[in-house]
Amino acid sequence: MKVADFTNQTSPTLNVRVSYSSAADLLCALWIVGGRRHENALEDLDLGDAWFEEFEAALSPATNHDLDAIGCGDAWVALVPLLPEAGEGSTVTAFIDYLAALEPADIRYRLMTVYDLMAEVDRDIVADAAEGIGEAVAKLLDEPVLGRPDMKEWRASLQYLLELSPGETQDVLVRVLRSAHQEAFAESEEAFRPFLEADFRSRRAMARRMNPGRLLEVATSGVNLSGEHARKPIVLMPTMVARPWNIMAEGSDYLVVGYPVGDEYLDSESDAPPQWLVKLHKALGDERRLKVLRTLAHGDASLGDLAEQADIAKSTMHHHLMLLRAAGLVRIHVGDDKRYSLREETLADASTMLDHYIHSTSYTKEGP
């Protein structure tokens, strides 16, 4: 499992609830397409390249022109924290209508919450830039944080959106969402929605019997939040488009965690093995990954620690850790830094669940 983190990173009691919206998948699709167009493509997406190629091919020239002008795609992540405000179970159309009814300055203010720019930029500058004051926009774009190499694409996107008037910023975002939905996503929304609803109902039932931290860990296949990440209410929202990634986006009121719809809700054959069980045994079928688990059995470690011990590149170790997390074998602790640890309970359950599947004629498809 992978994490795309758009927040600033400290441990209060978690406040976690579950919601869902079809618009989460459209926002993720536009973010991923933006990354693909700017040489920052997400890897290992479960939908595969073909789905995104078909999505892009269905977009009109006018929609493509707007998308290219907006740039890298992070603007769509900035809208994710608005999803809980649009209402539980909201459709794409309902979310777009909600966005169109907001004050334009509020939408522009949300754009500046990505990567928590307000932690490093004077709030008066941010507020004035949201209102469309040209001098404030220029000061914001000259802030050192936006001059970092890793912020180059996002700065270009902000420059385009903030140099428009507030009303024009709102119009272009709403226009792209409406057209992308009609041209390329309406059928997928209909196809994906039953999976979102099934996962949501299951996680909501889990919330009645699990503590918040455990619910978060189960839904995300091993994400553990602490520090600043845990100070705001957390809203868990299932996604199909971003599977197997977890997407974390922080707004003024919420930290939204878009987590992958569970494999168990996608199995269509009554006698098919649970996908998490398949992933578990695939993950265990590699000598290097077994050594990682052995290392983590002696204590948590960073990506760099594990890569150095295995004498492989960080990118290669990241891939192995993604497979181990997708199988429920490893958790990631997101706080002041990122650390990995072993999920002992999955190892303990593995043989039991394998025996349960092989010897049972009916079973409940539950993941770790």
Protein backbone atom coordinates (compact mmCIF):
# COMPACT_ATOMS: atom_id res chain seq x y z
CA MET A 1 0.00 0.00 0.00
CA LYS A 2 1.22 3.47 -0.81
CA VAL A 3 0.65 6.88 0.72
CA ALA A 4 0.52 10.21 -1.09
CA ASP A 5 0.80 12.79 1.66
CA PHE A 6 -0.43 16.35 1.04
CA THR A 7 -0.33 17.47 4.67
CA ASN A 8 2.11 18.84 7.17
CA GLN A 9 3.28 16.45 9.77
CA THR A 10 2.36 15.36 16.21
CA SER A 11 -0.30 12.35 19.96
CA PRO A 12 -3.81 13.36 20.61
CA THR A 13 -6.78 10.99 20.77
CA LEU A 14 -7.98 10.12 17.28
CA ASN A 15 -11.42 11.24 16.16
CA VAL A 16 -12.29 9.03 13.18
CA ARG A 17 -15.49 8.62 11.20
CA VAL A 18 -16.35 7.03 7.86
CA SER A 19 -18.08 8.62 4.89
CA TYR A 20 -18.09 8.22 1.11
CA SER A 21 -18.61 10.21 -2.07
CA SER A 22 -18.39 9.28 -5.74
CA ALA A 23 -16.64 12.61 -6.30
CA ALA A 24 -13.57 11.33 -4.42
CA ASP A 25 -12.83 9.06 -7.39
CA LEU A 26 -13.24 11.82 -9.96
CA LEU A 27 -10.94 14.12 -7.99
CA CYS A 28 -8.38 11.31 -7.72
CA ALA A 29 -8.67 10.61 -11.46
CA LEU A 30 -7.96 14.24 -12.34
CA TRP A 31 -5.05 14.37 -9.88
CA ILE A 32 -3.54 11.20 -11.34
CA VAL A 33 -4.01 12.41 -14.92
CA GLY A 34 -2.32 15.69 -13.98
CA GLY A 35 0.63 13.75 -12.60
CA ARG A 36 0.85 11.58 -15.72
CA ARG A 37 1.05 14.71 -17.87
CA HIS A 38 3.85 16.18 -15.78
CA GLU A 39 6.14 13.14 -15.51
CA ASN A 40 4.95 12.34 -12.01
CA ALA A 41 2.83 9.28 -12.71
CA LEU A 42 1.62 7.12 -9.83
CA GLU A 43 2.90 3.55 -10.05
CA ASP A 44 1.13 0.23 -9.55
CA LEU A 45 -2.42 1.55 -9.81
CA ASP A 46 -4.89 -1.33 -9.65
CA LEU A 47 -7.07 0.04 -12.47
CA GLY A 48 -4.07 -0.12 -14.81
CA ASP A 49 -2.87 2.27 -17.50
CA ALA A 50 -5.69 1.35 -19.89
CA TRP A 51 -8.39 2.83 -17.65
CA PHE A 52 -6.60 6.17 -17.41
CA GLU A 53 -5.80 6.19 -21.13
CA GLU A 54 -9.49 5.68 -21.91
CA PHE A 55 -10.43 8.38 -19.41
CA GLU A 56 -8.09 10.88 -21.06
CA ALA A 57 -9.14 9.88 -24.58
CA ALA A 58 -12.78 10.63 -23.74
CA LEU A 59 -12.05 14.21 -22.69
CA SER A 60 -12.93 16.96 -25.16
CA PRO A 61 -10.30 19.40 -26.50
CA ALA A 62 -11.82 22.15 -24.35
CA THR A 63 -11.55 20.05 -21.19
CA ASN A 64 -7.98 19.04 -22.04
CA HIS A 65 -7.09 22.69 -22.58
CA ASP A 66 -8.39 23.59 -19.12
CA LEU A 67 -6.63 20.63 -17.51
CA ASP A 68 -3.32 21.55 -19.12
CA ALA A 69 -3.72 25.15 -17.94
CA ILE A 70 -4.44 24.05 -14.37
CA GLY A 71 -1.35 21.87 -14.45
CA CYS A 72 0.01 19.13 -12.22
CA GLY A 73 -3.26 18.03 -10.62
CA ASP A 74 -2.67 18.95 -6.97
CA ALA A 75 -5.54 21.47 -7.17
CA TRP A 76 -7.95 18.53 -7.25
CA VAL A 77 -6.46 17.14 -4.03
CA ALA A 78 -7.07 20.57 -2.44
CA LEU A 79 -10.81 20.00 -3.00
CA VAL A 80 -10.86 16.58 -1.29
CA PRO A 81 -11.39 18.05 2.24
CA LEU A 82 -14.64 19.57 0.94
CA LEU A 83 -16.13 16.11 0.31
CA PRO A 84 -17.44 15.55 3.87
CA GLU A 85 -19.11 18.98 3.75
CA ALA A 86 -20.99 18.05 0.58
CA GLY A 87 -22.77 15.25 2.44
CA GLU A 88 -22.41 11.54 3.09
CA GLY A 89 -22.93 9.47 -0.05
CA SER A 90 -22.86 12.50 -2.32
CA THR A 91 -22.79 11.95 -6.07
CA VAL A 92 -20.42 13.74 -8.40
CA THR A 93 -23.21 16.08 -9.51
CA ALA A 94 -24.15 16.91 -5.90
CA PHE A 95 -20.53 17.70 -5.06
CA ILE A 96 -20.11 19.93 -8.11
CA ASP A 97 -23.30 21.81 -7.22
CA TYR A 98 -21.96 22.26 -3.69
CA LEU A 99 -18.66 23.60 -5.05
CA ALA A 100 -20.46 25.99 -7.41
CA ALA A 101 -22.42 27.45 -4.47
CA LEU A 102 -19.37 28.21 -2.32
CA GLU A 103 -17.83 31.65 -2.05
CA PRO A 104 -15.06 31.85 -4.70
CA ALA A 105 -12.54 33.17 -2.15
CA ASP A 106 -13.19 30.13 0.04
CA ILE A 107 -12.26 27.81 -2.82
CA ARG A 108 -9.04 29.75 -3.49
CA TYR A 109 -8.22 29.59 0.23
CA ARG A 110 -8.57 25.80 0.06
CA LEU A 111 -6.03 25.66 -2.74
CA MET A 112 -3.45 27.06 -0.38
CA THR A 113 -3.97 24.32 2.22
CA VAL A 114 -2.20 21.71 0.07
CA TYR A 115 1.20 20.92 1.60
CA ASP A 116 0.06 23.22 4.46
CA LEU A 117 1.48 26.36 2.87
CA MET A 118 -0.16 28.42 5.60
CA ALA A 119 2.31 26.99 8.13
CA GLU A 120 5.07 28.86 6.32
CA VAL A 121 3.26 31.85 4.81
CA ASP A 122 1.80 34.90 6.56
CA ARG A 123 -1.95 34.27 6.93
CA ASP A 124 -2.81 37.82 5.89
CA ILE A 125 -1.05 37.21 2.58
CA VAL A 126 -2.99 33.96 2.12
CA ALA A 127 -6.33 35.64 2.93
CA ASP A 128 -5.66 38.57 0.60
CA ALA A 129 -4.53 36.24 -2.20
CA ALA A 130 -7.76 34.27 -1.77
CA GLU A 131 -9.72 37.51 -2.25
CA GLY A 132 -7.83 38.21 -5.46
CA ILE A 133 -5.57 41.08 -4.35
CA GLY A 134 -2.81 41.09 -6.94
CA GLU A 135 -0.02 42.28 -4.65
CA ALA A 136 -0.76 39.45 -2.20
CA VAL A 137 -0.80 36.87 -5.01
CA ALA A 138 2.63 38.08 -6.16
CA LYS A 139 4.01 37.91 -2.59
CA LEU A 140 2.64 34.42 -2.13
CA LEU A 141 4.20 33.13 -5.34
CA ASP A 142 7.56 34.59 -4.24
CA GLU A 143 7.50 32.75 -0.89
CA PRO A 144 10.63 30.58 -0.39
CA VAL A 145 8.55 27.43 0.19
CA LEU A 146 7.19 27.68 -3.37
CA GLY A 147 10.70 28.15 -4.72
CA ARG A 148 11.76 24.63 -3.73
CA PRO A 149 12.42 22.27 -6.67
CA ASP A 150 9.72 19.86 -5.50
CA MET A 151 7.16 22.70 -5.58
CA LYS A 152 7.86 23.78 -9.15
CA GLU A 153 4.81 22.17 -10.75
CA TRP A 154 2.47 23.16 -7.92
CA ARG A 155 3.70 26.76 -8.02
CA ALA A 156 2.90 26.93 -11.75
CA SER A 157 -0.58 25.58 -11.08
CA LEU A 158 -1.17 28.08 -8.27
CA GLN A 159 0.09 30.92 -10.43
CA TYR A 160 -2.45 30.13 -13.14
CA LEU A 161 -5.37 29.72 -10.73
CA LEU A 162 -4.60 32.68 -8.46
CA GLU A 163 -3.91 35.16 -11.25
CA LEU A 164 -7.50 34.60 -12.37
CA SER A 165 -10.22 36.48 -10.51
CA PRO A 166 -11.82 34.50 -7.65
CA GLY A 167 -14.94 33.93 -9.74
CA GLU A 168 -12.89 32.73 -12.71
CA THR A 169 -10.96 30.32 -10.49
CA GLN A 170 -14.22 28.80 -9.30
CA ASP A 171 -15.64 28.70 -12.84
CA VAL A 172 -12.70 26.80 -14.35
CA LEU A 173 -12.64 24.19 -11.56
CA VAL A 174 -16.40 23.64 -11.76
CA ARG A 175 -16.30 23.57 -15.56
CA VAL A 176 -13.61 20.87 -15.65
CA LEU A 177 -15.40 18.73 -13.08
CA ARG A 178 -18.72 18.93 -14.95
CA SER A 179 -17.21 18.20 -18.35
CA ALA A 180 -14.88 15.43 -17.14
CA HIS A 181 -17.81 13.78 -15.39
CA GLN A 182 -20.08 13.93 -18.43
CA GLU A 183 -17.41 13.02 -21.00
CA ALA A 184 -15.34 10.40 -19.21
CA PHE A 185 -16.53 9.39 -15.75
CA ALA A 186 -20.31 8.97 -15.56
CA GLU A 187 -20.24 5.25 -16.42
CA SER A 188 -17.41 4.60 -14.00
CA GLU A 189 -19.27 6.43 -11.26
CA GLU A 190 -22.22 4.07 -11.74
CA ALA A 191 -19.93 1.01 -11.82
CA PHE A 192 -17.82 2.02 -8.81
CA ARG A 193 -20.58 3.25 -6.50
CA PRO A 194 -21.76 -0.20 -5.26
CA PHE A 195 -18.19 -1.00 -4.18
CA LEU A 196 -17.90 2.32 -2.34
CA GLU A 197 -21.21 1.72 -0.59
CA ALA A 198 -20.34 -1.85 0.42
CA ASP A 199 -16.98 -0.83 1.84
CA PHE A 200 -18.51 2.19 3.62
CA ARG A 201 -21.22 0.07 5.29
CA SER A 202 -18.63 -2.44 6.48
CA ARG A 203 -16.23 0.19 7.86
CA ARG A 204 -19.09 2.00 9.59
CA ALA A 205 -20.04 -1.27 11.31
CA MET A 206 -16.38 -1.76 12.29
CA ALA A 207 -16.37 1.75 13.80
CA ARG A 208 -18.96 0.60 16.36
CA ARG A 209 -16.68 -2.12 17.73
CA MET A 210 -13.12 -0.89 17.05
CA ASN A 211 -11.13 1.91 18.58
CA PRO A 212 -10.41 4.73 16.10
CA GLY A 213 -6.73 3.92 15.66
CA ARG A 214 -7.45 0.28 14.84
CA LEU A 215 -10.22 1.27 12.40
CA LEU A 216 -7.81 3.59 10.61
CA GLU A 217 -5.15 0.89 10.46
CA VAL A 218 -7.52 -1.78 9.12
CA ALA A 219 -9.06 0.44 6.44
CA THR A 220 -5.69 1.74 5.21
CA SER A 221 -3.81 -1.55 5.55
CA GLY A 222 -1.42 -0.31 8.18
CA VAL A 223 -1.37 3.51 8.40
CA ASN A 224 -0.77 4.80 11.93
CA LEU A 225 -1.11 8.56 12.45
CA SER A 226 0.44 10.71 15.17
CA GLY A 227 1.46 14.29 15.77
CA GLU A 228 -0.14 17.05 13.73
CA HIS A 229 -1.83 14.49 11.47
CA ALA A 230 -4.01 13.36 14.38
CA ARG A 231 -5.14 16.74 15.75
CA LYS A 232 -8.13 17.27 13.43
CA PRO A 233 -11.13 14.98 12.96
CA ILE A 234 -10.24 12.25 10.45
CA VAL A 235 -12.74 11.26 7.78
CA LEU A 236 -12.13 7.92 6.07
CA MET A 237 -13.44 7.74 2.50
CA PRO A 238 -13.10 4.69 0.20
CA THR A 239 -11.78 5.12 -3.33
CA MET A 240 -11.59 2.88 -6.37
CA VAL A 241 -9.49 5.03 -8.70
CA ALA A 242 -6.48 5.49 -6.40
CA ARG A 243 -6.19 1.84 -5.29
CA PRO A 244 -3.80 0.74 -3.75
CA TRP A 245 -2.76 4.22 -2.57
CA ASN A 246 -3.94 6.05 0.54
CA ILE A 247 -4.47 9.75 -0.14
CA MET A 248 -4.26 12.16 2.81
CA ALA A 249 -5.54 15.71 2.30
CA GLU A 250 -5.94 18.24 5.10
CA GLY A 251 -8.41 21.12 5.11
CA SER A 252 -9.47 23.72 7.64
CA ASP A 253 -11.78 21.33 9.49
CA TYR A 254 -10.83 17.76 8.52
CA LEU A 255 -8.04 15.41 7.56
CA VAL A 256 -9.56 13.27 4.82
CA VAL A 257 -7.94 9.88 4.26
CA GLY A 258 -8.96 8.34 0.96
CA TYR A 259 -8.29 4.63 1.42
CA PRO A 260 -8.50 1.82 -1.15
CA VAL A 261 -11.78 -0.09 -1.33
CA GLY A 262 -11.02 -3.42 0.32
CA ASP A 263 -10.23 -6.39 -1.89
CA GLU A 264 -12.94 -8.39 -0.17
CA TYR A 265 -15.64 -6.08 -1.58
CA LEU A 266 -14.47 -6.66 -5.16
CA ASP A 267 -14.60 -10.46 -5.22
CA SER A 268 -17.43 -11.54 -7.53
CA GLU A 269 -17.08 -15.33 -7.44
CA SER A 270 -18.58 -17.01 -4.40
CA ASP A 271 -15.74 -19.55 -4.21
CA ALA A 272 -12.89 -17.16 -5.08
CA PRO A 273 -10.19 -16.84 -2.42
CA PRO A 274 -10.19 -13.47 -0.67
CA GLN A 275 -7.82 -11.16 -2.53
CA TRP A 276 -6.01 -10.19 0.66
CA LEU A 277 -5.20 -13.88 1.19
CA VAL A 278 -3.77 -14.09 -2.33
CA LYS A 279 -1.73 -10.93 -1.75
CA LEU A 280 -0.51 -12.28 1.57
CA HIS A 281 0.97 -15.43 0.09
CA LYS A 282 2.41 -13.60 -2.91
CA ALA A 283 4.12 -11.20 -0.54
CA LEU A 284 5.56 -14.08 1.45
CA GLY A 285 6.87 -15.77 -1.70
CA ASP A 286 10.02 -13.63 -1.95
CA GLU A 287 13.24 -14.11 0.01
CA ARG A 288 13.95 -10.37 0.28
CA ARG A 289 10.52 -9.61 1.68
CA LEU A 290 10.84 -12.42 4.22
CA LYS A 291 14.12 -10.86 5.38
CA VAL A 292 12.38 -7.49 5.76
CA LEU A 293 9.76 -9.10 8.00
CA ARG A 294 12.53 -10.74 10.03
CA THR A 295 14.22 -7.34 10.46
CA LEU A 296 10.99 -5.65 11.52
CA ALA A 297 10.33 -8.42 14.03
CA HIS A 298 13.25 -6.93 16.00
CA GLY A 299 11.89 -3.35 15.90
CA ASP A 300 10.63 -0.63 13.60
CA ALA A 301 12.82 0.87 10.88
CA SER A 302 12.86 3.59 8.26
CA LEU A 303 12.85 3.06 4.52
CA GLY A 304 16.52 4.07 4.43
CA ASP A 305 17.42 1.61 7.20
CA LEU A 306 15.76 -1.29 5.40
CA ALA A 307 17.22 -0.40 1.99
CA GLU A 308 20.73 -0.09 3.43
CA GLN A 309 20.50 -3.41 5.25
CA ALA A 310 19.26 -5.17 2.10
CA ASP A 311 21.81 -3.32 -0.08
CA ILE A 312 19.17 -2.24 -2.58
CA ALA A 313 17.85 1.12 -3.83
CA LYS A 314 15.22 2.91 -1.76
CA SER A 315 12.83 2.75 -4.71
CA THR A 316 13.17 -1.05 -4.83
CA MET A 317 12.63 -1.36 -1.07
CA HIS A 318 9.62 0.96 -1.34
CA HIS A 319 8.10 -1.47 -3.84
CA HIS A 320 8.67 -4.44 -1.50
CA LEU A 321 7.15 -2.52 1.41
CA MET A 322 4.12 -1.62 -0.71
CA LEU A 323 3.48 -5.32 -1.37
CA LEU A 324 3.94 -6.18 2.31
CA ARG A 325 1.57 -3.42 3.37
CA ALA A 326 -1.03 -4.41 0.78
CA ALA A 327 -0.91 -7.90 2.30
CA GLY A 328 -1.45 -6.50 5.78
CA LEU A 329 1.98 -7.56 7.03
CA VAL A 330 3.54 -4.15 7.67
CA ARG A 331 2.24 -0.88 9.07
CA ILE A 332 3.57 2.62 8.40
CA HIS A 333 3.75 5.21 11.19
CA VAL A 334 3.21 8.73 9.82
CA GLY A 335 4.39 11.41 12.23
CA ASP A 336 7.53 13.50 12.47
CA ASP A 337 9.08 10.88 10.20
CA LYS A 338 7.88 7.67 8.56
CA ARG A 339 8.71 4.33 10.18
CA TYR A 340 7.68 0.77 9.36
CA SER A 341 6.77 -2.00 11.78
CA LEU A 342 5.53 -5.58 11.69
CA ARG A 343 1.82 -6.35 12.00
CA GLU A 344 2.14 -9.42 14.22
CA GLU A 345 -1.60 -10.13 14.20
CA THR A 346 -1.60 -10.82 10.46
CA LEU A 347 1.14 -13.41 10.76
CA ALA A 348 -0.77 -15.07 13.58
CA ASP A 349 -3.96 -15.22 11.49
CA ALA A 350 -2.41 -16.29 8.17
CA SER A 351 -2.46 -20.06 8.59
CA THR A 352 -5.88 -19.98 10.25
CA MET A 353 -7.44 -18.03 7.39
CA LEU A 354 -5.80 -20.23 4.75
CA ASP A 355 -7.15 -23.32 6.48
CA HIS A 356 -10.56 -21.64 6.80
CA TYR A 357 -10.74 -20.94 3.05
CA ILE A 358 -9.50 -24.37 1.94
CA HIS A 359 -11.78 -26.39 4.21
CA SER A 360 -14.90 -24.24 4.26
CA THR A 361 -17.72 -24.29 1.72
CA SER A 362 -18.76 -20.79 2.81
CA TYR A 363 -16.83 -18.10 4.56
CA THR A 364 -16.76 -14.39 5.29
CA LYS A 365 -14.31 -12.44 3.12
CA GLU A 366 -12.68 -10.27 5.72
CA GLY A 367 -9.21 -8.78 5.42
CA PRO A 368 -6.60 -8.33 8.13
